[in-house]
Amino acid sequence: MINSSAEVRQYLIEALQLDLVGATPEQVDYIEEIIDQAPSKQYLTGFLVLYGASVEQHANNS
């Protein structure tokens, strides 16, 4: 339960991050996230690359 304005603010920050760019490697609740569409369709910021991906993977637009 959210009890303070600081908790509301933190909740909103986390919700926006998940919607905009997805989970970070530190967010273990989402470590096995499976999305049923392209990341560019799932997240509002578009194309995502795996954490620690190679330069070639960063350039792949598929």
N, C-alpha and C. Protein backbone atom coordinates (compact mmCIF):
# COMPACT_ATOMS: atom_id res chain seq x y z
N MET A 1 0.84 -1.18 0.00
CA MET A 1 0.00 0.00 0.00
C MET A 1 0.88 1.25 0.00
N ILE A 2 0.50 2.22 -0.79
CA ILE A 2 1.25 3.47 -0.89
C ILE A 2 0.72 4.44 0.15
N ASN A 3 1.64 4.96 0.98
CA ASN A 3 1.23 5.81 2.10
C ASN A 3 1.73 7.24 2.06
N SER A 4 2.66 7.56 1.19
CA SER A 4 3.22 8.91 1.20
C SER A 4 3.42 9.40 -0.23
N SER A 5 3.62 10.70 -0.36
CA SER A 5 3.86 11.26 -1.69
C SER A 5 5.18 10.74 -2.27
N ALA A 6 6.17 10.48 -1.43
CA ALA A 6 7.44 9.93 -1.91
C ALA A 6 7.23 8.53 -2.49
N GLU A 7 6.38 7.72 -1.88
CA GLU A 7 6.10 6.38 -2.40
C GLU A 7 5.31 6.46 -3.71
N VAL A 8 4.38 7.40 -3.80
CA VAL A 8 3.64 7.60 -5.05
C VAL A 8 4.61 8.00 -6.15
N ARG A 9 5.50 8.92 -5.86
CA ARG A 9 6.48 9.39 -6.85
C ARG A 9 7.36 8.24 -7.32
N GLN A 10 7.86 7.42 -6.39
CA GLN A 10 8.72 6.30 -6.76
C GLN A 10 7.95 5.28 -7.60
N TYR A 11 6.70 5.02 -7.25
CA TYR A 11 5.87 4.10 -8.02
C TYR A 11 5.69 4.60 -9.45
N LEU A 12 5.42 5.90 -9.60
CA LEU A 12 5.23 6.48 -10.93
C LEU A 12 6.52 6.43 -11.75
N ILE A 13 7.65 6.69 -11.12
CA ILE A 13 8.94 6.61 -11.82
C ILE A 13 9.18 5.21 -12.34
N GLU A 14 8.94 4.21 -11.50
CA GLU A 14 9.15 2.81 -11.91
C GLU A 14 8.18 2.41 -13.02
N ALA A 15 6.93 2.84 -12.92
CA ALA A 15 5.93 2.50 -13.94
C ALA A 15 6.30 3.14 -15.28
N LEU A 16 6.73 4.40 -15.26
CA LEU A 16 7.14 5.07 -16.49
C LEU A 16 8.36 4.41 -17.12
N GLN A 17 9.31 4.04 -16.29
CA GLN A 17 10.51 3.38 -16.82
C GLN A 17 10.14 2.08 -17.51
N LEU A 18 9.29 1.28 -16.88
CA LEU A 18 8.88 0.01 -17.49
C LEU A 18 8.15 0.24 -18.81
N ASP A 19 7.29 1.25 -18.88
CA ASP A 19 6.56 1.53 -20.11
C ASP A 19 7.44 2.11 -21.20
N LEU A 20 8.41 2.93 -20.82
CA LEU A 20 9.23 3.62 -21.81
C LEU A 20 10.37 2.76 -22.34
N VAL A 21 11.11 2.08 -21.46
CA VAL A 21 12.29 1.34 -21.89
C VAL A 21 12.34 -0.10 -21.43
N GLY A 22 11.42 -0.51 -20.60
CA GLY A 22 11.44 -1.87 -20.10
C GLY A 22 12.29 -2.01 -18.84
N ALA A 23 12.44 -3.22 -18.41
CA ALA A 23 13.16 -3.50 -17.16
C ALA A 23 14.67 -3.40 -17.34
N THR A 24 15.35 -3.10 -16.25
CA THR A 24 16.81 -3.10 -16.22
C THR A 24 17.27 -4.46 -15.69
N PRO A 25 18.53 -4.79 -15.86
CA PRO A 25 19.03 -6.08 -15.34
C PRO A 25 18.87 -6.21 -13.82
N GLU A 26 18.78 -5.10 -13.12
CA GLU A 26 18.63 -5.13 -11.66
C GLU A 26 17.20 -5.45 -11.22
N GLN A 27 16.23 -5.33 -12.10
CA GLN A 27 14.84 -5.58 -11.75
C GLN A 27 14.53 -7.07 -11.94
N VAL A 28 14.85 -7.86 -10.92
CA VAL A 28 14.76 -9.32 -11.02
C VAL A 28 13.33 -9.82 -11.20
N ASP A 29 12.32 -9.01 -10.85
CA ASP A 29 10.93 -9.44 -11.05
C ASP A 29 10.60 -9.62 -12.53
N TYR A 30 11.39 -8.98 -13.40
CA TYR A 30 11.12 -9.03 -14.83
C TYR A 30 12.21 -9.77 -15.60
N ILE A 31 13.07 -10.50 -14.91
CA ILE A 31 14.23 -11.12 -15.54
C ILE A 31 13.83 -12.14 -16.62
N GLU A 32 12.66 -12.74 -16.48
CA GLU A 32 12.22 -13.72 -17.46
C GLU A 32 11.07 -13.19 -18.30
N GLU A 33 11.02 -11.88 -18.46
CA GLU A 33 9.95 -11.26 -19.24
C GLU A 33 9.97 -11.77 -20.68
N ILE A 34 8.81 -12.14 -21.16
CA ILE A 34 8.63 -12.56 -22.55
C ILE A 34 7.58 -11.64 -23.15
N ILE A 35 7.95 -10.98 -24.22
CA ILE A 35 6.99 -10.11 -24.89
C ILE A 35 6.53 -10.77 -26.18
N ASP A 36 5.27 -10.55 -26.53
CA ASP A 36 4.70 -11.23 -27.69
C ASP A 36 4.70 -10.39 -28.96
N GLN A 37 5.49 -9.33 -28.95
CA GLN A 37 5.62 -8.48 -30.13
C GLN A 37 7.01 -7.87 -30.16
N ALA A 38 7.34 -7.20 -31.23
CA ALA A 38 8.67 -6.58 -31.35
C ALA A 38 8.86 -5.53 -30.27
N PRO A 39 10.07 -5.39 -29.71
CA PRO A 39 10.31 -4.38 -28.68
C PRO A 39 9.92 -2.97 -29.14
N SER A 40 10.06 -2.68 -30.41
CA SER A 40 9.69 -1.35 -30.91
C SER A 40 8.18 -1.11 -30.80
N LYS A 41 7.41 -2.16 -30.71
CA LYS A 41 5.96 -2.05 -30.52
C LYS A 41 5.59 -2.11 -29.03
N GLN A 42 6.38 -2.80 -28.23
CA GLN A 42 6.08 -3.02 -26.81
C GLN A 42 6.41 -1.79 -25.96
N TYR A 43 7.54 -1.17 -26.23
CA TYR A 43 8.01 -0.07 -25.40
C TYR A 43 7.90 1.25 -26.15
N LEU A 44 7.54 2.30 -25.45
CA LEU A 44 7.28 3.59 -26.08
C LEU A 44 8.52 4.23 -26.70
N THR A 45 9.72 3.87 -26.23
CA THR A 45 10.93 4.46 -26.80
C THR A 45 11.41 3.71 -28.02
N GLY A 46 10.82 2.57 -28.34
CA GLY A 46 11.18 1.86 -29.56
C GLY A 46 12.16 0.73 -29.37
N PHE A 47 13.13 0.65 -30.27
CA PHE A 47 14.07 -0.46 -30.36
C PHE A 47 14.93 -0.58 -29.11
N LEU A 48 15.01 -1.77 -28.57
CA LEU A 48 15.84 -2.05 -27.41
C LEU A 48 16.89 -3.09 -27.77
N VAL A 49 18.01 -3.03 -27.11
CA VAL A 49 19.09 -3.98 -27.32
C VAL A 49 19.41 -4.62 -25.98
N LEU A 50 19.72 -5.89 -25.99
CA LEU A 50 20.06 -6.60 -24.76
C LEU A 50 21.22 -5.94 -24.04
N TYR A 51 21.18 -5.98 -22.73
CA TYR A 51 22.25 -5.45 -21.91
C TYR A 51 23.55 -6.17 -22.26
N GLY A 52 24.59 -5.43 -22.57
CA GLY A 52 25.87 -6.02 -22.92
C GLY A 52 25.96 -6.54 -24.34
N ALA A 53 25.04 -6.14 -25.21
CA ALA A 53 25.03 -6.62 -26.59
C ALA A 53 26.20 -6.05 -27.38
N SER A 54 26.57 -6.75 -28.43
CA SER A 54 27.67 -6.32 -29.28
C SER A 54 27.27 -5.11 -30.13
N VAL A 55 28.26 -4.48 -30.75
CA VAL A 55 28.00 -3.33 -31.63
C VAL A 55 27.10 -3.76 -32.79
N GLU A 56 27.30 -4.95 -33.33
CA GLU A 56 26.49 -5.44 -34.44
C GLU A 56 25.02 -5.56 -34.04
N GLN A 57 24.75 -6.01 -32.82
CA GLN A 57 23.37 -6.12 -32.36
C GLN A 57 22.74 -4.75 -32.17
N HIS A 58 23.53 -3.76 -31.79
CA HIS A 58 23.01 -2.41 -31.64
C HIS A 58 22.60 -1.83 -32.99
N ALA A 59 23.24 -2.22 -34.06
CA ALA A 59 22.96 -1.69 -35.39
C ALA A 59 21.84 -2.42 -36.11
N ASN A 60 21.42 -3.57 -35.61
CA ASN A 60 20.39 -4.36 -36.25
C ASN A 60 19.03 -3.71 -36.05
N ASN A 61 18.35 -3.35 -37.12
CA ASN A 61 17.06 -2.67 -37.04
C ASN A 61 15.87 -3.61 -37.20
N SER A 62 16.08 -4.89 -37.13
CA SER A 62 14.97 -5.83 -37.32
C SER A 62 14.21 -6.04 -36.03
